[in-house]
Amino acid sequence: MELFGMMLAGELPAPPIARTMNMMLSEVEKGRVVFRGTPLFDHYNPLGTVHGGWAATILDSALGCCVHTMLPAGIAYTTVEFKVNLVRPLFHDSGPVVCEGKVIHFGRTIATSEATLKTLDGKLIAHGTETCAIFPLGSKG
């Protein structure tokens, strides 16, 4: 949690992916995070909509980071599997979106989370779930 607090306070820079994807962490509490982002024309696919990978990336960030908020010092995680359902297209003029991730289960070796991606007026764009492996930092699996 300290890491995320330092990012929110501007004491640590956001990871480079945040700049590339035009998204940022905006809220953090134990077991929950919120990212905000705005898709750009640069994120378009050949069909003329924002690439589904953009939605998947912001969802994956929220899904993983909410698990990260639960970790004690010396413990790490990695994504084992994630699933995304894209239910509405995004365009560069769709405006800002909000992605909220919440931990569903946090065990000794496995954690699961869920997230939603919505427009500012609450329309669902995409939702997803993730499974993360929990392990001691520096261990070799």
Protein backbone atom coordinates (compact mmCIF):
# COMPACT_ATOMS: atom_id res chain seq x y z
CA MET A 1 0.00 0.00 0.00
CA GLU A 2 2.87 2.37 0.77
CA LEU A 3 4.07 2.15 -2.84
CA PHE A 4 0.68 3.22 -4.19
CA GLY A 5 0.38 6.02 -1.63
CA MET A 6 3.73 7.38 -2.78
CA MET A 7 2.57 7.26 -6.41
CA LEU A 8 -0.64 9.12 -5.58
CA ALA A 9 1.35 11.75 -3.65
CA GLY A 10 3.70 12.24 -6.61
CA GLU A 11 6.69 10.96 -4.61
CA LEU A 12 7.18 8.08 -7.06
CA PRO A 13 6.52 8.16 -10.80
CA ALA A 14 3.79 6.06 -12.34
CA PRO A 15 5.01 3.07 -14.35
CA PRO A 16 5.72 3.82 -18.05
CA ILE A 17 2.65 1.80 -19.12
CA ALA A 18 0.47 4.50 -17.53
CA ARG A 19 1.80 7.13 -19.93
CA THR A 20 1.56 4.80 -22.95
CA MET A 21 -2.04 3.88 -22.16
CA ASN A 22 -3.07 7.36 -20.91
CA MET A 23 -4.29 6.01 -17.57
CA MET A 24 -3.49 6.70 -13.94
CA LEU A 25 -4.12 5.34 -10.49
CA SER A 26 -6.60 7.59 -8.69
CA GLU A 27 -7.75 5.75 -5.54
CA VAL A 28 -6.26 3.05 -3.32
CA GLU A 29 -7.42 1.22 -0.22
CA LYS A 30 -6.78 -2.27 1.04
CA GLY A 31 -8.35 -4.69 -1.45
CA ARG A 32 -9.56 -1.96 -3.86
CA VAL A 33 -8.08 0.37 -6.47
CA VAL A 34 -9.46 2.77 -9.05
CA PHE A 35 -7.76 3.75 -12.29
CA ARG A 36 -8.92 6.53 -14.60
CA GLY A 37 -8.01 6.76 -18.24
CA THR A 38 -8.93 8.29 -21.54
CA PRO A 39 -8.48 6.30 -24.75
CA LEU A 40 -6.74 8.14 -27.57
CA PHE A 41 -6.89 7.92 -31.34
CA ASP A 42 -3.43 6.27 -31.06
CA HIS A 43 -5.17 3.31 -29.38
CA TYR A 44 -7.38 2.55 -32.40
CA ASN A 45 -7.51 -0.81 -34.13
CA PRO A 46 -7.99 -1.22 -37.92
CA LEU A 47 -11.79 -1.30 -37.45
CA GLY A 48 -11.94 2.28 -36.16
CA THR A 49 -12.53 1.65 -32.46
CA VAL A 50 -10.22 1.60 -29.46
CA HIS A 51 -8.35 -1.71 -29.44
CA GLY A 52 -9.71 -4.21 -26.91
CA GLY A 53 -6.17 -4.49 -25.58
CA TRP A 54 -6.51 -0.97 -24.15
CA ALA A 55 -9.50 -2.03 -22.05
CA ALA A 56 -7.73 -5.28 -21.13
CA THR A 57 -4.65 -3.36 -19.98
CA ILE A 58 -6.49 -0.97 -17.68
CA LEU A 59 -8.54 -3.88 -16.33
CA ASP A 60 -5.40 -5.98 -15.75
CA SER A 61 -3.82 -3.05 -13.93
CA ALA A 62 -6.79 -2.71 -11.58
CA LEU A 63 -7.15 -6.48 -11.15
CA GLY A 64 -3.50 -6.95 -10.20
CA CYS A 65 -3.01 -3.78 -8.17
CA CYS A 66 -5.98 -4.48 -5.88
CA VAL A 67 -4.31 -7.81 -5.03
CA HIS A 68 -1.00 -5.98 -4.53
CA THR A 69 -2.63 -3.81 -1.83
CA MET A 70 -3.15 -6.95 0.27
CA LEU A 71 0.47 -8.12 0.23
CA PRO A 72 2.66 -7.92 3.32
CA ALA A 73 6.34 -7.00 2.92
CA GLY A 74 8.39 -9.76 1.31
CA ILE A 75 5.46 -11.30 -0.56
CA ALA A 76 4.90 -10.93 -4.31
CA TYR A 77 2.27 -11.89 -6.87
CA THR A 78 2.00 -12.64 -10.54
CA THR A 79 -1.00 -12.99 -12.82
CA VAL A 80 -1.78 -16.61 -13.64
CA GLU A 81 -4.93 -16.02 -15.70
CA PHE A 82 -7.31 -13.20 -16.56
CA LYS A 83 -10.55 -12.98 -18.48
CA VAL A 84 -12.05 -9.90 -20.05
CA ASN A 85 -15.56 -9.37 -21.41
CA LEU A 86 -15.84 -6.42 -23.80
CA VAL A 87 -19.49 -5.36 -23.84
CA ARG A 88 -19.42 -1.92 -25.51
CA PRO A 89 -16.96 -0.27 -27.94
CA LEU A 90 -14.77 2.68 -27.00
CA PHE A 91 -13.77 5.57 -29.25
CA HIS A 92 -11.17 8.30 -28.78
CA ASP A 93 -14.00 10.76 -28.11
CA SER A 94 -15.76 8.45 -25.61
CA GLY A 95 -14.14 10.52 -22.89
CA PRO A 96 -12.64 9.43 -19.59
CA VAL A 97 -13.41 6.02 -18.11
CA VAL A 98 -13.16 4.61 -14.60
CA CYS A 99 -11.85 1.15 -13.78
CA GLU A 100 -12.46 -0.24 -10.29
CA GLY A 101 -10.78 -3.43 -9.12
CA LYS A 102 -11.69 -5.38 -5.97
CA VAL A 103 -10.23 -8.46 -4.34
CA ILE A 104 -12.69 -11.36 -4.19
CA HIS A 105 -10.45 -13.87 -2.41
CA PHE A 106 -7.01 -13.58 -0.84
CA GLY A 107 -5.46 -16.83 0.30
CA ARG A 108 -1.99 -18.08 1.16
CA THR A 109 -1.06 -18.99 -2.44
CA ILE A 110 -3.93 -17.75 -4.67
CA ALA A 111 -5.86 -14.49 -4.92
CA THR A 112 -8.75 -13.60 -7.22
CA SER A 113 -10.11 -10.21 -8.18
CA GLU A 114 -12.80 -8.60 -10.31
CA ALA A 115 -12.97 -5.24 -12.07
CA THR A 116 -15.33 -3.11 -14.11
CA LEU A 117 -14.56 -0.46 -16.72
CA LYS A 118 -17.27 2.19 -17.03
CA THR A 119 -17.88 5.56 -18.63
CA LEU A 120 -18.28 8.51 -16.27
CA ASP A 121 -22.07 8.19 -16.60
CA GLY A 122 -21.92 4.55 -15.47
CA LYS A 123 -22.22 2.66 -18.78
CA LEU A 124 -20.38 -0.65 -18.61
CA ILE A 125 -17.62 -0.96 -21.23
CA ALA A 126 -15.92 -4.14 -20.02
CA HIS A 127 -15.47 -6.33 -16.96
CA GLY A 128 -13.03 -9.00 -15.97
CA THR A 129 -11.63 -11.40 -13.40
CA GLU A 130 -8.09 -12.41 -12.54
CA THR A 131 -6.28 -15.16 -10.67
CA CYS A 132 -2.91 -14.35 -9.11
CA ALA A 133 -0.29 -16.62 -7.57
CA ILE A 134 1.04 -15.42 -4.21
CA PHE A 135 4.64 -16.29 -3.27
CA PRO A 136 7.64 -15.12 -1.23
CA LEU A 137 9.65 -12.41 -2.99
CA GLY A 138 12.78 -13.88 -4.55
CA SER A 139 11.50 -17.47 -4.63
CA LYS A 140 12.09 -19.53 -7.75
CA GLY A 141 8.96 -21.32 -8.89
